[in-house]
Amino acid sequence: MGRILAIDYGQKRTGLAVTDELQLIANGLETVATKDIWKYLSDYLKREKVDVIVVGEPRDMKNRPSDASRFVEPFVRKLRKTYPEMKIERYDERFTSKMAFQAMIDSGLGKKKRQNKALVDTISATLILQSYLESVKF
């Protein structure tokens, strides 16, 4: 069984999270500069067996695509074209950044570390992945 990789795609940074090989636990992987995401994915997918890629889907409060969708959609199209054999899922990412920031506060991280936007992106990807895992359990 391969891993599930979650992507929280952003204009500047892209947060990544991955499951263990049994697809039970979501772990933050890292945050990559968006300009470097294709090289990172290529290298990672050569090293690790991945069954599914889950990409955060930006939605507004009325469950419509948000403004950020115009950046995410071309990424997803290229992802599908580049990896046609890969199962690619979309998953609602509403509130993940706020939840990530709150998780950092709750865990006792100092103000300086909470300003680390790369950490917020990694935690957001982890929250997307954890929510996805919970939604596909039977």
Protein backbone atom coordinates (compact mmCIF):
# COMPACT_ATOMS: atom_id res chain seq x y z
CA MET A 1 0.00 0.00 0.00
CA GLY A 2 1.29 3.44 -0.87
CA ARG A 3 1.06 6.73 0.93
CA ILE A 4 -1.47 9.52 0.46
CA LEU A 5 0.11 12.90 -0.27
CA ALA A 6 -1.78 16.11 0.50
CA ILE A 7 -0.98 19.43 -1.14
CA ASP A 8 -2.02 22.86 0.13
CA TYR A 9 -1.12 24.82 -2.99
CA GLY A 10 -0.39 28.52 -2.65
CA GLN A 11 0.96 31.27 -4.87
CA LYS A 12 4.23 31.54 -2.90
CA ARG A 13 4.44 28.39 -0.80
CA THR A 14 2.96 24.91 -1.01
CA GLY A 15 2.40 22.88 2.13
CA LEU A 16 2.76 19.11 1.95
CA ALA A 17 1.63 16.31 4.22
CA VAL A 18 1.77 12.55 3.84
CA THR A 19 0.40 9.44 5.48
CA ASP A 20 2.33 6.47 6.72
CA GLU A 21 2.36 3.43 4.41
CA LEU A 22 -0.78 2.03 6.08
CA GLN A 23 -2.62 5.30 5.34
CA LEU A 24 -3.58 5.75 8.98
CA ILE A 25 -1.71 8.81 10.23
CA ALA A 26 -1.30 12.23 8.61
CA ASN A 27 2.11 13.85 9.11
CA GLY A 28 3.40 17.20 7.97
CA LEU A 29 6.05 16.70 5.31
CA GLU A 30 7.33 20.16 4.48
CA THR A 31 6.63 23.48 2.81
CA VAL A 32 8.19 24.10 -0.59
CA ALA A 33 8.46 27.31 -2.58
CA THR A 34 5.72 27.00 -5.20
CA LYS A 35 8.23 27.69 -7.97
CA ASP A 36 10.02 24.47 -6.90
CA ILE A 37 6.97 22.22 -6.45
CA TRP A 38 7.29 20.27 -9.72
CA LYS A 39 10.91 19.29 -9.04
CA TYR A 40 10.02 18.37 -5.46
CA LEU A 41 7.07 16.21 -6.55
CA SER A 42 9.11 14.48 -9.22
CA ASP A 43 11.85 13.59 -6.74
CA TYR A 44 9.40 12.55 -4.02
CA LEU A 45 7.30 10.34 -6.30
CA LYS A 46 10.43 8.56 -7.50
CA ARG A 47 11.43 7.78 -3.89
CA GLU A 48 8.05 6.95 -2.37
CA LYS A 49 5.03 4.93 -3.46
CA VAL A 50 2.01 7.22 -3.46
CA ASP A 51 -1.49 5.91 -4.19
CA VAL A 52 -3.43 9.18 -4.01
CA ILE A 53 -2.67 12.88 -4.17
CA VAL A 54 -5.19 15.08 -2.35
CA VAL A 55 -5.18 18.75 -3.33
CA GLY A 56 -6.88 21.33 -1.15
CA GLU A 57 -9.87 22.91 -2.85
CA PRO A 58 -10.38 26.57 -1.90
CA ARG A 59 -14.08 27.28 -1.34
CA ASP A 60 -15.93 30.31 0.01
CA MET A 61 -18.57 30.38 2.73
CA LYS A 62 -21.29 29.60 0.17
CA ASN A 63 -19.36 26.50 -0.99
CA ARG A 64 -18.38 28.12 -4.28
CA PRO A 65 -14.82 28.19 -5.62
CA SER A 66 -12.93 31.03 -3.93
CA ASP A 67 -10.64 33.58 -5.61
CA ALA A 68 -7.65 31.29 -4.93
CA SER A 69 -9.19 28.67 -7.24
CA ARG A 70 -7.83 30.50 -10.27
CA PHE A 71 -4.31 29.55 -9.12
CA VAL A 72 -5.11 26.04 -7.92
CA GLU A 73 -7.06 24.84 -10.98
CA PRO A 74 -4.15 25.18 -13.47
CA PHE A 75 -1.92 23.35 -10.97
CA VAL A 76 -4.42 20.46 -10.71
CA ARG A 77 -4.77 20.27 -14.51
CA LYS A 78 -1.00 20.06 -14.91
CA LEU A 79 -0.81 17.50 -12.08
CA ARG A 80 -3.36 15.28 -13.85
CA LYS A 81 -1.52 15.65 -17.16
CA THR A 82 1.91 15.02 -15.64
CA TYR A 83 0.79 12.00 -13.57
CA PRO A 84 -2.15 10.50 -15.52
CA GLU A 85 -1.88 7.15 -13.70
CA MET A 86 -2.18 8.82 -10.27
CA LYS A 87 -5.50 9.09 -8.46
CA ILE A 88 -5.98 12.79 -7.71
CA GLU A 89 -8.67 13.91 -5.29
CA ARG A 90 -9.85 17.38 -4.31
CA TYR A 91 -10.77 18.17 -0.71
CA ASP A 92 -12.33 21.26 0.85
CA GLU A 93 -9.67 23.35 2.57
CA ARG A 94 -11.91 25.97 4.18
CA PHE A 95 -10.65 27.15 7.57
CA THR A 96 -7.45 25.06 7.48
CA SER A 97 -5.16 28.10 7.80
CA LYS A 98 -7.14 29.40 10.78
CA MET A 99 -7.22 25.94 12.33
CA ALA A 100 -3.46 25.58 11.76
CA PHE A 101 -2.79 28.89 13.46
CA GLN A 102 -5.03 27.92 16.38
CA ALA A 103 -3.25 24.55 16.66
CA MET A 104 0.06 26.40 16.96
CA ILE A 105 -1.36 28.56 19.76
CA ASP A 106 -2.85 25.53 21.51
CA SER A 107 0.46 23.69 21.34
CA GLY A 108 2.21 26.57 23.09
CA LEU A 109 4.34 27.83 20.21
CA GLY A 110 5.73 31.27 20.84
CA LYS A 111 4.71 34.31 18.84
CA LYS A 112 7.91 34.23 16.76
CA LYS A 113 7.34 30.62 15.62
CA ARG A 114 3.64 31.31 14.91
CA GLN A 115 4.73 33.92 12.36
CA ASN A 116 6.42 31.19 10.33
CA LYS A 117 4.05 30.97 7.36
CA ALA A 118 5.79 27.84 6.05
CA LEU A 119 4.83 26.05 9.27
CA VAL A 120 1.21 27.20 8.84
CA ASP A 121 1.21 25.77 5.29
CA THR A 122 2.56 22.40 6.44
CA ILE A 123 0.02 22.20 9.26
CA SER A 124 -2.76 23.20 6.83
CA ALA A 125 -1.78 20.37 4.47
CA THR A 126 -1.80 17.99 7.44
CA LEU A 127 -5.31 19.14 8.41
CA ILE A 128 -6.54 18.65 4.83
CA LEU A 129 -5.07 15.15 4.82
CA GLN A 130 -6.48 14.24 8.25
CA SER A 131 -9.96 15.43 7.21
CA TYR A 132 -9.69 13.48 3.96
CA LEU A 133 -8.67 10.33 5.85
CA GLU A 134 -11.64 10.70 8.19
CA SER A 135 -14.00 11.15 5.22
CA VAL A 136 -12.90 7.95 3.45
CA LYS A 137 -13.00 5.66 6.48
CA PHE A 138 -15.77 3.10 6.32
